[in-house]
Amino acid sequence: MSSVTVVQLTDTHIRPAGQRVHGMVDTYANLTQVLQQLLDSRQRIDALVLSGDLTDNGAPEAYRRLRDAVEAAAAELGAQPVYVMGNHDERVAFGIELLGLDSVDPDASHDRVVEVAGLRIIALDSSTPGRHDGRLEPEQLDWLADQLREPAPHGTLLVLHHPPIPSPVAATEYLRLEQPELLGEALTGSDVRLIICGHNHLTGAAALGGIPVWIGPAMAYRIDPIAPRGRHRGLSGFGYSRIDLLGTTLVATAIEATPAETVYDRAEADVLDQLAALAAEAG
């Protein structure tokens, strides 16, 4: 059994009421569908981590729509919401509407630490106002190294929007985190077990300095990672991730949320009994 479960929702791209992303994607409907799925699952969820591009254009109304939906679900789940900046987010509205700050310096990053059931979650703001690629300033890396000097009971989950790893897709490679080796240096010898991010609108994995990196599926729409040569295209479909602490390992699992037909739906106990019988049969 997992001792800690975190759900990652990334690239929600919420817009004000009545507006759709690219004129066709109702991202608010995607968000509320996933939140209802989490509630219906009746599973324990300790944190909801929203890893950037929470709104599509930084509108305060869009942040309020997202906050009201997420925090109502989080309260029912008993989960801690953790909000992380992305390149489509706007620091002032983000700080006021999501973090409850009275005033916000638009040049100051939104970095924070939350501990959930012994798992430390560090949120890093990899955004730069006016840019779509990612960057961590020297003072952020110093702050991160300072936070990591003392280990957490169950280690650390690091969250940022821009992936610190290469991409086979030209556009996402162009817009990734600059100088990821500097982040790798700050993490050397730390208790960071997993780095999670978003931004690319595709699911992927690699490692930075031996630490696994997980790019979660986007909640808005997908980028086609093997589009016809010379084309860059977005496709319908959305999903999210669950991150489970199993023993000393953080395990990331992509979850498909696009409506689909059920192939089968059986009692879990029956499936486990069948697997146990097969194992006994095989000796």
C-alpha atoms as a PDB file:
ATOM      1  CA  MET A   1       0.000   0.000   0.000  1.00  0.00           C
ATOM      2  CA  SER A   2       1.119   3.542  -0.720  1.00  0.00           C
ATOM      3  CA  SER A   3       2.035   5.564   2.360  1.00  0.00           C
ATOM      4  CA  VAL A   4       1.573   8.865   0.496  1.00  0.00           C
ATOM      5  CA  THR A   5      -0.437   9.563  -2.670  1.00  0.00           C
ATOM      6  CA  VAL A   6      -0.092  12.775  -4.648  1.00  0.00           C
ATOM      7  CA  VAL A   7      -2.173  13.603  -7.727  1.00  0.00           C
ATOM      8  CA  GLN A   8      -0.477  15.808 -10.319  1.00  0.00           C
ATOM      9  CA  LEU A   9      -2.699  17.966 -12.511  1.00  0.00           C
ATOM     10  CA  THR A  10      -0.687  19.935 -15.044  1.00  0.00           C
ATOM     11  CA  ASP A  11      -1.428  22.404 -17.829  1.00  0.00           C
ATOM     12  CA  THR A  12      -5.065  22.922 -16.925  1.00  0.00           C
ATOM     13  CA  HIS A  13      -5.144  26.161 -18.992  1.00  0.00           C
ATOM     14  CA  ILE A  14      -8.385  27.431 -17.439  1.00  0.00           C
ATOM     15  CA  ARG A  15      -9.983  30.451 -19.122  1.00  0.00           C
ATOM     16  CA  PRO A  16     -12.813  32.756 -17.989  1.00  0.00           C
ATOM     17  CA  ALA A  17     -16.333  31.359 -18.286  1.00  0.00           C
ATOM     18  CA  GLY A  18     -17.547  30.919 -21.851  1.00  0.00           C
ATOM     19  CA  GLN A  19     -14.057  30.820 -23.390  1.00  0.00           C
ATOM     20  CA  ARG A  20     -12.371  27.750 -24.866  1.00  0.00           C
ATOM     21  CA  VAL A  21      -8.702  27.066 -25.535  1.00  0.00           C
ATOM     22  CA  HIS A  22      -7.926  27.167 -29.267  1.00  0.00           C
ATOM     23  CA  GLY A  23     -11.630  27.875 -29.716  1.00  0.00           C
ATOM     24  CA  MET A  24     -12.611  24.262 -29.009  1.00  0.00           C
ATOM     25  CA  VAL A  25     -11.262  22.808 -25.737  1.00  0.00           C
ATOM     26  CA  ASP A  26     -13.428  23.276 -22.633  1.00  0.00           C
ATOM     27  CA  THR A  27     -10.592  23.002 -20.130  1.00  0.00           C
ATOM     28  CA  TYR A  28     -12.835  23.751 -17.157  1.00  0.00           C
ATOM     29  CA  ALA A  29     -14.993  20.729 -18.064  1.00  0.00           C
ATOM     30  CA  ASN A  30     -11.828  18.610 -18.228  1.00  0.00           C
ATOM     31  CA  LEU A  31     -10.800  19.808 -14.765  1.00  0.00           C
ATOM     32  CA  THR A  32     -14.169  19.225 -13.120  1.00  0.00           C
ATOM     33  CA  GLN A  33     -14.465  15.787 -14.730  1.00  0.00           C
ATOM     34  CA  VAL A  34     -11.117  14.725 -13.270  1.00  0.00           C
ATOM     35  CA  LEU A  35     -11.882  16.164  -9.845  1.00  0.00           C
ATOM     36  CA  GLN A  36     -15.165  14.228  -9.801  1.00  0.00           C
ATOM     37  CA  GLN A  37     -13.303  11.057 -10.816  1.00  0.00           C
ATOM     38  CA  LEU A  38     -10.974  11.543  -7.856  1.00  0.00           C
ATOM     39  CA  LEU A  39     -13.922  12.021  -5.502  1.00  0.00           C
ATOM     40  CA  ASP A  40     -15.730   8.982  -6.908  1.00  0.00           C
ATOM     41  CA  SER A  41     -12.635   6.806  -6.477  1.00  0.00           C
ATOM     42  CA  ARG A  42     -12.869   7.110  -2.681  1.00  0.00           C
ATOM     43  CA  GLN A  43      -9.137   6.574  -2.538  1.00  0.00           C
ATOM     44  CA  ARG A  44      -6.886   8.428  -0.120  1.00  0.00           C
ATOM     45  CA  ILE A  45      -5.185  11.381  -1.775  1.00  0.00           C
ATOM     46  CA  ASP A  46      -2.813  13.449   0.334  1.00  0.00           C
ATOM     47  CA  ALA A  47      -2.059  16.311  -2.054  1.00  0.00           C
ATOM     48  CA  LEU A  48      -3.242  17.811  -5.328  1.00  0.00           C
ATOM     49  CA  VAL A  49      -0.224  19.314  -7.098  1.00  0.00           C
ATOM     50  CA  LEU A  50      -0.996  21.646 -10.010  1.00  0.00           C
ATOM     51  CA  SER A  51       2.279  22.004 -11.871  1.00  0.00           C
ATOM     52  CA  GLY A  52       1.913  25.137 -13.948  1.00  0.00           C
ATOM     53  CA  ASP A  53      -0.055  26.756 -16.762  1.00  0.00           C
ATOM     54  CA  LEU A  54      -3.018  26.707 -14.432  1.00  0.00           C
ATOM     55  CA  THR A  55      -4.713  29.409 -16.487  1.00  0.00           C
ATOM     56  CA  ASP A  56      -4.340  30.058 -20.190  1.00  0.00           C
ATOM     57  CA  ASN A  57      -3.864  33.819 -20.029  1.00  0.00           C
ATOM     58  CA  GLY A  58      -3.425  34.791 -16.361  1.00  0.00           C
ATOM     59  CA  ALA A  59      -6.946  36.221 -15.959  1.00  0.00           C
ATOM     60  CA  PRO A  60      -7.964  36.656 -12.283  1.00  0.00           C
ATOM     61  CA  GLU A  61     -11.415  35.234 -13.066  1.00  0.00           C
ATOM     62  CA  ALA A  62      -9.807  32.077 -14.455  1.00  0.00           C
ATOM     63  CA  TYR A  63      -7.771  31.633 -11.257  1.00  0.00           C
ATOM     64  CA  ARG A  64     -10.919  32.013  -9.179  1.00  0.00           C
ATOM     65  CA  ARG A  65     -12.740  29.373 -11.270  1.00  0.00           C
ATOM     66  CA  LEU A  66      -9.850  26.973 -10.825  1.00  0.00           C
ATOM     67  CA  ARG A  67      -9.415  27.702  -7.107  1.00  0.00           C
ATOM     68  CA  ASP A  68     -13.082  27.194  -6.288  1.00  0.00           C
ATOM     69  CA  ALA A  69     -13.203  23.833  -8.096  1.00  0.00           C
ATOM     70  CA  VAL A  70      -9.886  22.518  -6.785  1.00  0.00           C
ATOM     71  CA  GLU A  71     -10.275  23.607  -3.197  1.00  0.00           C
ATOM     72  CA  ALA A  72     -13.812  22.240  -2.872  1.00  0.00           C
ATOM     73  CA  ALA A  73     -12.570  18.842  -4.078  1.00  0.00           C
ATOM     74  CA  ALA A  74      -9.421  19.035  -1.943  1.00  0.00           C
ATOM     75  CA  ALA A  75     -11.481  19.748   1.165  1.00  0.00           C
ATOM     76  CA  GLU A  76     -13.683  16.720   0.511  1.00  0.00           C
ATOM     77  CA  LEU A  77     -10.649  14.528  -0.187  1.00  0.00           C
ATOM     78  CA  GLY A  78      -8.664  15.844   2.771  1.00  0.00           C
ATOM     79  CA  ALA A  79      -5.888  16.726   0.314  1.00  0.00           C
ATOM     80  CA  GLN A  80      -3.432  19.623   0.404  1.00  0.00           C
ATOM     81  CA  PRO A  81      -3.535  21.757  -2.774  1.00  0.00           C
ATOM     82  CA  VAL A  82      -0.117  22.879  -4.061  1.00  0.00           C
ATOM     83  CA  TYR A  83       0.001  25.466  -6.848  1.00  0.00           C
ATOM     84  CA  VAL A  84       3.049  25.927  -9.097  1.00  0.00           C
ATOM     85  CA  MET A  85       3.672  28.700 -11.650  1.00  0.00           C
ATOM     86  CA  GLY A  86       3.942  28.065 -15.396  1.00  0.00           C
ATOM     87  CA  ASN A  87       4.746  30.259 -18.381  1.00  0.00           C
ATOM     88  CA  HIS A  88       1.045  30.974 -19.086  1.00  0.00           C
ATOM     89  CA  ASP A  89       0.509  32.095 -15.490  1.00  0.00           C
ATOM     90  CA  GLU A  90       0.713  35.683 -14.221  1.00  0.00           C
ATOM     91  CA  ARG A  91       2.522  36.181 -10.930  1.00  0.00           C
ATOM     92  CA  VAL A  92       0.345  38.905  -9.414  1.00  0.00           C
ATOM     93  CA  ALA A  93      -3.007  37.222 -10.085  1.00  0.00           C
ATOM     94  CA  PHE A  94      -1.533  33.819  -9.156  1.00  0.00           C
ATOM     95  CA  GLY A  95      -0.287  35.126  -5.804  1.00  0.00           C
ATOM     96  CA  ILE A  96      -3.468  36.964  -4.915  1.00  0.00           C
ATOM     97  CA  GLU A  97      -6.061  34.477  -6.148  1.00  0.00           C
ATOM     98  CA  LEU A  98      -4.349  31.158  -5.335  1.00  0.00           C
ATOM     99  CA  LEU A  99      -1.869  31.894  -2.552  1.00  0.00           C
ATOM    100  CA  GLY A 100      -3.996  34.471  -0.741  1.00  0.00           C
ATOM    101  CA  LEU A 101      -1.297  37.153  -0.740  1.00  0.00           C
ATOM    102  CA  ASP A 102      -2.319  40.782  -0.189  1.00  0.00           C
ATOM    103  CA  SER A 103       0.322  42.147  -2.557  1.00  0.00           C
ATOM    104  CA  VAL A 104       2.763  40.559  -4.999  1.00  0.00           C
ATOM    105  CA  ASP A 105       6.097  41.657  -6.434  1.00  0.00           C
ATOM    106  CA  PRO A 106       5.874  40.606 -10.115  1.00  0.00           C
ATOM    107  CA  ASP A 107       9.640  40.102 -10.172  1.00  0.00           C
ATOM    108  CA  ALA A 108       9.656  37.714  -7.192  1.00  0.00           C
ATOM    109  CA  SER A 109       9.233  33.992  -7.828  1.00  0.00           C
ATOM    110  CA  HIS A 110       6.586  31.896  -6.093  1.00  0.00           C
ATOM    111  CA  ASP A 111       8.675  29.130  -4.469  1.00  0.00           C
ATOM    112  CA  ARG A 112       7.374  27.203  -1.487  1.00  0.00           C
ATOM    113  CA  VAL A 113       7.707  24.081   0.623  1.00  0.00           C
ATOM    114  CA  VAL A 114       4.839  21.888   1.829  1.00  0.00           C
ATOM    115  CA  GLU A 115       5.193  18.710   3.881  1.00  0.00           C
ATOM    116  CA  VAL A 116       2.493  16.068   3.462  1.00  0.00           C
ATOM    117  CA  ALA A 117       2.561  12.945   5.629  1.00  0.00           C
ATOM    118  CA  GLY A 118       6.349  13.160   5.888  1.00  0.00           C
ATOM    119  CA  LEU A 119       6.907  13.746   2.160  1.00  0.00           C
ATOM    120  CA  ARG A 120       8.392  17.164   1.443  1.00  0.00           C
ATOM    121  CA  ILE A 121       7.025  18.834  -1.702  1.00  0.00           C
ATOM    122  CA  ILE A 122       9.118  21.709  -3.037  1.00  0.00           C
ATOM    123  CA  ALA A 123       7.480  23.930  -5.655  1.00  0.00           C
ATOM    124  CA  LEU A 124       9.891  25.913  -7.845  1.00  0.00           C
ATOM    125  CA  ASP A 125       8.764  28.774 -10.078  1.00  0.00           C
ATOM    126  CA  SER A 126      10.653  28.196 -13.350  1.00  0.00           C
ATOM    127  CA  SER A 127       8.771  30.955 -15.189  1.00  0.00           C
ATOM    128  CA  THR A 128      10.138  34.288 -16.379  1.00  0.00           C
ATOM    129  CA  PRO A 129       7.587  37.039 -17.150  1.00  0.00           C
ATOM    130  CA  GLY A 130       7.221  37.479 -20.908  1.00  0.00           C
ATOM    131  CA  ARG A 131       9.049  34.247 -21.812  1.00  0.00           C
ATOM    132  CA  HIS A 132       7.851  30.702 -22.521  1.00  0.00           C
ATOM    133  CA  ASP A 133      11.098  28.837 -21.879  1.00  0.00           C
ATOM    134  CA  GLY A 134      12.163  28.078 -18.324  1.00  0.00           C
ATOM    135  CA  ARG A 135      14.832  29.474 -16.055  1.00  0.00           C
ATOM    136  CA  LEU A 136      15.857  29.211 -12.406  1.00  0.00           C
ATOM    137  CA  GLU A 137      17.654  32.221 -11.005  1.00  0.00           C
ATOM    138  CA  PRO A 138      20.843  31.779  -8.900  1.00  0.00           C
ATOM    139  CA  GLU A 139      19.018  32.878  -5.751  1.00  0.00           C
ATOM    140  CA  GLN A 140      16.344  30.231  -6.344  1.00  0.00           C
ATOM    141  CA  LEU A 141      18.978  27.511  -6.642  1.00  0.00           C
ATOM    142  CA  ASP A 142      20.639  28.772  -3.441  1.00  0.00           C
ATOM    143  CA  TRP A 143      17.249  28.715  -1.688  1.00  0.00           C
ATOM    144  CA  LEU A 144      16.615  25.179  -2.957  1.00  0.00           C
ATOM    145  CA  ALA A 145      20.001  23.924  -1.762  1.00  0.00           C
ATOM    146  CA  ASP A 146      19.317  25.482   1.647  1.00  0.00           C
ATOM    147  CA  GLN A 147      15.923  23.718   1.893  1.00  0.00           C
ATOM    148  CA  LEU A 148      17.527  20.386   1.037  1.00  0.00           C
ATOM    149  CA  ARG A 149      20.281  20.546   3.646  1.00  0.00           C
ATOM    150  CA  GLU A 150      18.083  18.654   6.111  1.00  0.00           C
ATOM    151  CA  PRO A 151      16.395  15.479   4.788  1.00  0.00           C
ATOM    152  CA  ALA A 152      12.640  14.983   5.146  1.00  0.00           C
ATOM    153  CA  PRO A 153      11.194  11.848   6.803  1.00  0.00           C
ATOM    154  CA  HIS A 154      10.054  10.381   3.445  1.00  0.00           C
ATOM    155  CA  GLY A 155      12.304  12.353   1.113  1.00  0.00           C
ATOM    156  CA  THR A 156      11.439  15.136  -1.305  1.00  0.00           C
ATOM    157  CA  LEU A 157       9.247  15.486  -4.381  1.00  0.00           C
ATOM    158  CA  LEU A 158      10.436  18.426  -6.497  1.00  0.00           C
ATOM    159  CA  VAL A 159       7.895  20.176  -8.734  1.00  0.00           C
ATOM    160  CA  LEU A 160       8.530  22.698 -11.491  1.00  0.00           C
ATOM    161  CA  HIS A 161       6.780  23.500 -14.746  1.00  0.00           C
ATOM    162  CA  HIS A 162       9.567  23.325 -17.334  1.00  0.00           C
ATOM    163  CA  PRO A 163      11.201  19.925 -17.882  1.00  0.00           C
ATOM    164  CA  PRO A 164      14.945  19.857 -17.084  1.00  0.00           C
ATOM    165  CA  ILE A 165      15.474  17.142 -19.715  1.00  0.00           C
ATOM    166  CA  PRO A 166      15.739  17.060 -23.531  1.00  0.00           C
ATOM    167  CA  SER A 167      12.747  16.460 -25.805  1.00  0.00           C
ATOM    168  CA  PRO A 168      12.514  14.718 -29.198  1.00  0.00           C
ATOM    169  CA  VAL A 169       9.882  17.299 -30.240  1.00  0.00           C
ATOM    170  CA  ALA A 170      11.486  20.448 -31.667  1.00  0.00           C
ATOM    171  CA  ALA A 171       9.067  22.954 -30.101  1.00  0.00           C
ATOM    172  CA  THR A 172       9.219  21.479 -26.607  1.00  0.00           C
ATOM    173  CA  GLU A 173      13.007  21.162 -26.812  1.00  0.00           C
ATOM    174  CA  TYR A 174      13.177  24.865 -27.675  1.00  0.00           C
ATOM    175  CA  LEU A 175      11.050  25.801 -24.643  1.00  0.00           C
ATOM    176  CA  ARG A 176      12.519  23.583 -21.927  1.00  0.00           C
ATOM    177  CA  LEU A 177      14.411  24.638 -18.791  1.00  0.00           C
ATOM    178  CA  GLU A 178      17.646  26.496 -19.509  1.00  0.00           C
ATOM    179  CA  GLN A 179      20.875  25.183 -17.980  1.00  0.00           C
ATOM    180  CA  PRO A 180      19.355  22.120 -16.283  1.00  0.00           C
ATOM    181  CA  GLU A 181      22.849  21.124 -15.128  1.00  0.00           C
ATOM    182  CA  LEU A 182      22.670  23.944 -12.552  1.00  0.00           C
ATOM    183  CA  LEU A 183      19.563  22.356 -11.061  1.00  0.00           C
ATOM    184  CA  GLY A 184      21.327  18.994 -11.118  1.00  0.00           C
ATOM    185  CA  GLU A 185      24.209  20.464  -9.126  1.00  0.00           C
ATOM    186  CA  ALA A 186      21.833  21.882  -6.517  1.00  0.00           C
ATOM    187  CA  LEU A 187      20.259  18.422  -6.098  1.00  0.00           C
ATOM    188  CA  THR A 188      23.509  16.478  -5.714  1.00  0.00           C
ATOM    189  CA  GLY A 189      23.463  14.400  -2.541  1.00  0.00           C
ATOM    190  CA  SER A 190      19.926  15.486  -1.641  1.00  0.00           C
ATOM    191  CA  ASP A 191      16.894  13.392  -0.696  1.00  0.00           C
ATOM    192  CA  VAL A 192      14.953  14.315  -3.862  1.00  0.00           C
ATOM    193  CA  ARG A 193      13.382  11.053  -5.037  1.00  0.00           C
ATOM    194  CA  LEU A 194      11.489  12.358  -8.084  1.00  0.00           C
ATOM    195  CA  ILE A 195      11.142  15.536 -10.160  1.00  0.00           C
ATOM    196  CA  ILE A 196       7.727  16.148 -11.730  1.00  0.00           C
ATOM    197  CA  CYS A 197       6.870  18.773 -14.324  1.00  0.00           C
ATOM    198  CA  GLY A 198       4.504  19.520 -17.212  1.00  0.00           C
ATOM    199  CA  HIS A 199       4.676  22.115 -20.009  1.00  0.00           C
ATOM    200  CA  ASN A 200       5.229  19.709 -22.923  1.00  0.00           C
ATOM    201  CA  HIS A 201       1.612  18.449 -23.214  1.00  0.00           C
ATOM    202  CA  LEU A 202       2.925  14.908 -23.605  1.00  0.00           C
ATOM    203  CA  THR A 203       3.924  12.172 -21.184  1.00  0.00           C
ATOM    204  CA  GLY A 204       7.623  11.422 -20.826  1.00  0.00           C
ATOM    205  CA  ALA A 205      10.384  10.330 -18.481  1.00  0.00           C
ATOM    206  CA  ALA A 206      14.159  10.595 -18.155  1.00  0.00           C
ATOM    207  CA  ALA A 207      16.622  11.443 -15.386  1.00  0.00           C
ATOM    208  CA  LEU A 208      18.649  14.415 -14.177  1.00  0.00           C
ATOM    209  CA  GLY A 209      21.836  13.475 -12.367  1.00  0.00           C
ATOM    210  CA  GLY A 210      20.380  10.059 -11.581  1.00  0.00           C
ATOM    211  CA  ILE A 211      17.089  11.472 -10.241  1.00  0.00           C
ATOM    212  CA  PRO A 212      13.991  10.348 -12.195  1.00  0.00           C
ATOM    213  CA  VAL A 213      12.093  13.076 -14.049  1.00  0.00           C
ATOM    214  CA  TRP A 214       8.402  12.666 -14.924  1.00  0.00           C
ATOM    215  CA  ILE A 215       6.539  14.845 -17.431  1.00  0.00           C
ATOM    216  CA  GLY A 216       2.865  14.425 -16.606  1.00  0.00           C
ATOM    217  CA  PRO A 217       0.115  14.282 -19.250  1.00  0.00           C
ATOM    218  CA  ALA A 218      -1.630  17.608 -19.778  1.00  0.00           C
ATOM    219  CA  MET A 219      -5.162  18.333 -18.648  1.00  0.00           C
ATOM    220  CA  ALA A 220      -5.972  20.588 -21.625  1.00  0.00           C
ATOM    221  CA  TYR A 221      -4.906  18.783 -24.812  1.00  0.00           C
ATOM    222  CA  ARG A 222      -1.969  16.779 -26.173  1.00  0.00           C
ATOM    223  CA  ILE A 223       0.942  17.556 -28.443  1.00  0.00           C
ATOM    224  CA  ASP A 224       1.463  14.805 -31.023  1.00  0.00           C
ATOM    225  CA  PRO A 225       4.992  13.476 -30.282  1.00  0.00           C
ATOM    226  CA  ILE A 226       5.252  11.745 -33.659  1.00  0.00           C
ATOM    227  CA  ALA A 227       3.435  14.115 -35.989  1.00  0.00           C
ATOM    228  CA  PRO A 228       4.085  13.954 -39.751  1.00  0.00           C
ATOM    229  CA  ARG A 229       7.491  15.347 -40.650  1.00  0.00           C
ATOM    230  CA  GLY A 230       7.503  19.126 -40.669  1.00  0.00           C
ATOM    231  CA  ARG A 231       4.253  19.445 -38.686  1.00  0.00           C
ATOM    232  CA  HIS A 232       3.512  20.429 -35.086  1.00  0.00           C
ATOM    233  CA  ARG A 233       0.001  19.614 -33.967  1.00  0.00           C
ATOM    234  CA  GLY A 234      -2.221  19.397 -30.931  1.00  0.00           C
ATOM    235  CA  LEU A 235      -4.721  16.593 -30.401  1.00  0.00           C
ATOM    236  CA  SER A 236      -7.827  16.128 -28.279  1.00  0.00           C
ATOM    237  CA  GLY A 237      -7.296  14.144 -25.112  1.00  0.00           C
ATOM    238  CA  PHE A 238      -6.240  14.751 -21.526  1.00  0.00           C
ATOM    239  CA  GLY A 239      -4.993  12.991 -18.444  1.00  0.00           C
ATOM    240  CA  TYR A 240      -3.203  13.338 -15.126  1.00  0.00           C
ATOM    241  CA  SER A 241      -0.789  11.453 -12.871  1.00  0.00           C
ATOM    242  CA  ARG A 242      -0.756   9.763  -9.511  1.00  0.00           C
ATOM    243  CA  ILE A 243       2.516   9.724  -7.588  1.00  0.00           C
ATOM    244  CA  ASP A 244       2.738   7.072  -4.873  1.00  0.00           C
ATOM    245  CA  LEU A 245       5.346   6.562  -2.177  1.00  0.00           C
ATOM    246  CA  LEU A 246       5.840   2.787  -2.093  1.00  0.00           C
ATOM    247  CA  GLY A 247       8.478   1.928   0.451  1.00  0.00           C
ATOM    248  CA  THR A 248      11.265   4.367  -0.367  1.00  0.00           C
ATOM    249  CA  THR A 249      10.327   4.753  -4.046  1.00  0.00           C
ATOM    250  CA  LEU A 250       8.098   7.369  -5.645  1.00  0.00           C
ATOM    251  CA  VAL A 251       6.181   5.743  -8.509  1.00  0.00           C
ATOM    252  CA  ALA A 252       4.524   7.858 -11.221  1.00  0.00           C
ATOM    253  CA  THR A 253       1.481   6.513 -13.079  1.00  0.00           C
ATOM    254  CA  ALA A 254      -0.220   8.260 -16.021  1.00  0.00           C
ATOM    255  CA  ILE A 255      -4.014   8.157 -15.900  1.00  0.00           C
ATOM    256  CA  GLU A 256      -6.123   8.527 -19.038  1.00  0.00           C
ATOM    257  CA  ALA A 257      -9.102  10.840 -18.517  1.00  0.00           C
ATOM    258  CA  THR A 258     -10.453  11.096 -22.067  1.00  0.00           C
ATOM    259  CA  PRO A 259     -13.877   9.395 -22.096  1.00  0.00           C
ATOM    260  CA  ALA A 260     -13.591   5.801 -23.317  1.00  0.00           C
ATOM    261  CA  GLU A 261     -15.588   2.572 -23.273  1.00  0.00           C
ATOM    262  CA  THR A 262     -15.031   0.154 -20.398  1.00  0.00           C
ATOM    263  CA  VAL A 263     -13.462  -3.136 -21.505  1.00  0.00           C
ATOM    264  CA  TYR A 264     -14.153  -4.865 -18.194  1.00  0.00           C
ATOM    265  CA  ASP A 265     -15.025  -3.889 -14.618  1.00  0.00           C
ATOM    266  CA  ARG A 266     -14.446  -6.621 -12.040  1.00  0.00           C
ATOM    267  CA  ALA A 267     -14.202  -6.806  -8.277  1.00  0.00           C
ATOM    268  CA  GLU A 268     -10.565  -6.262  -7.262  1.00  0.00           C
ATOM    269  CA  ALA A 269     -10.749  -9.147  -4.800  1.00  0.00           C
ATOM    270  CA  ASP A 270     -11.779 -11.517  -7.600  1.00  0.00           C
ATOM    271  CA  VAL A 271      -8.843 -10.426  -9.751  1.00  0.00           C
ATOM    272  CA  LEU A 272      -6.388 -10.886  -6.871  1.00  0.00           C
ATOM    273  CA  ASP A 273      -7.824 -14.324  -6.105  1.00  0.00           C
ATOM    274  CA  GLN A 274      -7.431 -15.315  -9.756  1.00  0.00           C
ATOM    275  CA  LEU A 275      -3.823 -14.104  -9.845  1.00  0.00           C
ATOM    276  CA  ALA A 276      -3.045 -15.949  -6.615  1.00  0.00           C
ATOM    277  CA  ALA A 277      -4.540 -19.154  -8.049  1.00  0.00           C
ATOM    278  CA  LEU A 278      -2.444 -18.803 -11.232  1.00  0.00           C
ATOM    279  CA  ALA A 279       0.682 -18.241  -9.156  1.00  0.00           C
ATOM    280  CA  ALA A 280      -0.044 -21.312  -7.038  1.00  0.00           C
ATOM    281  CA  GLU A 281      -0.679 -23.349 -10.193  1.00  0.00           C
ATOM    282  CA  ALA A 282       2.666 -22.296 -11.641  1.00  0.00           C
ATOM    283  CA  GLY A 283       4.432 -23.361  -8.470  1.00  0.00           C
END
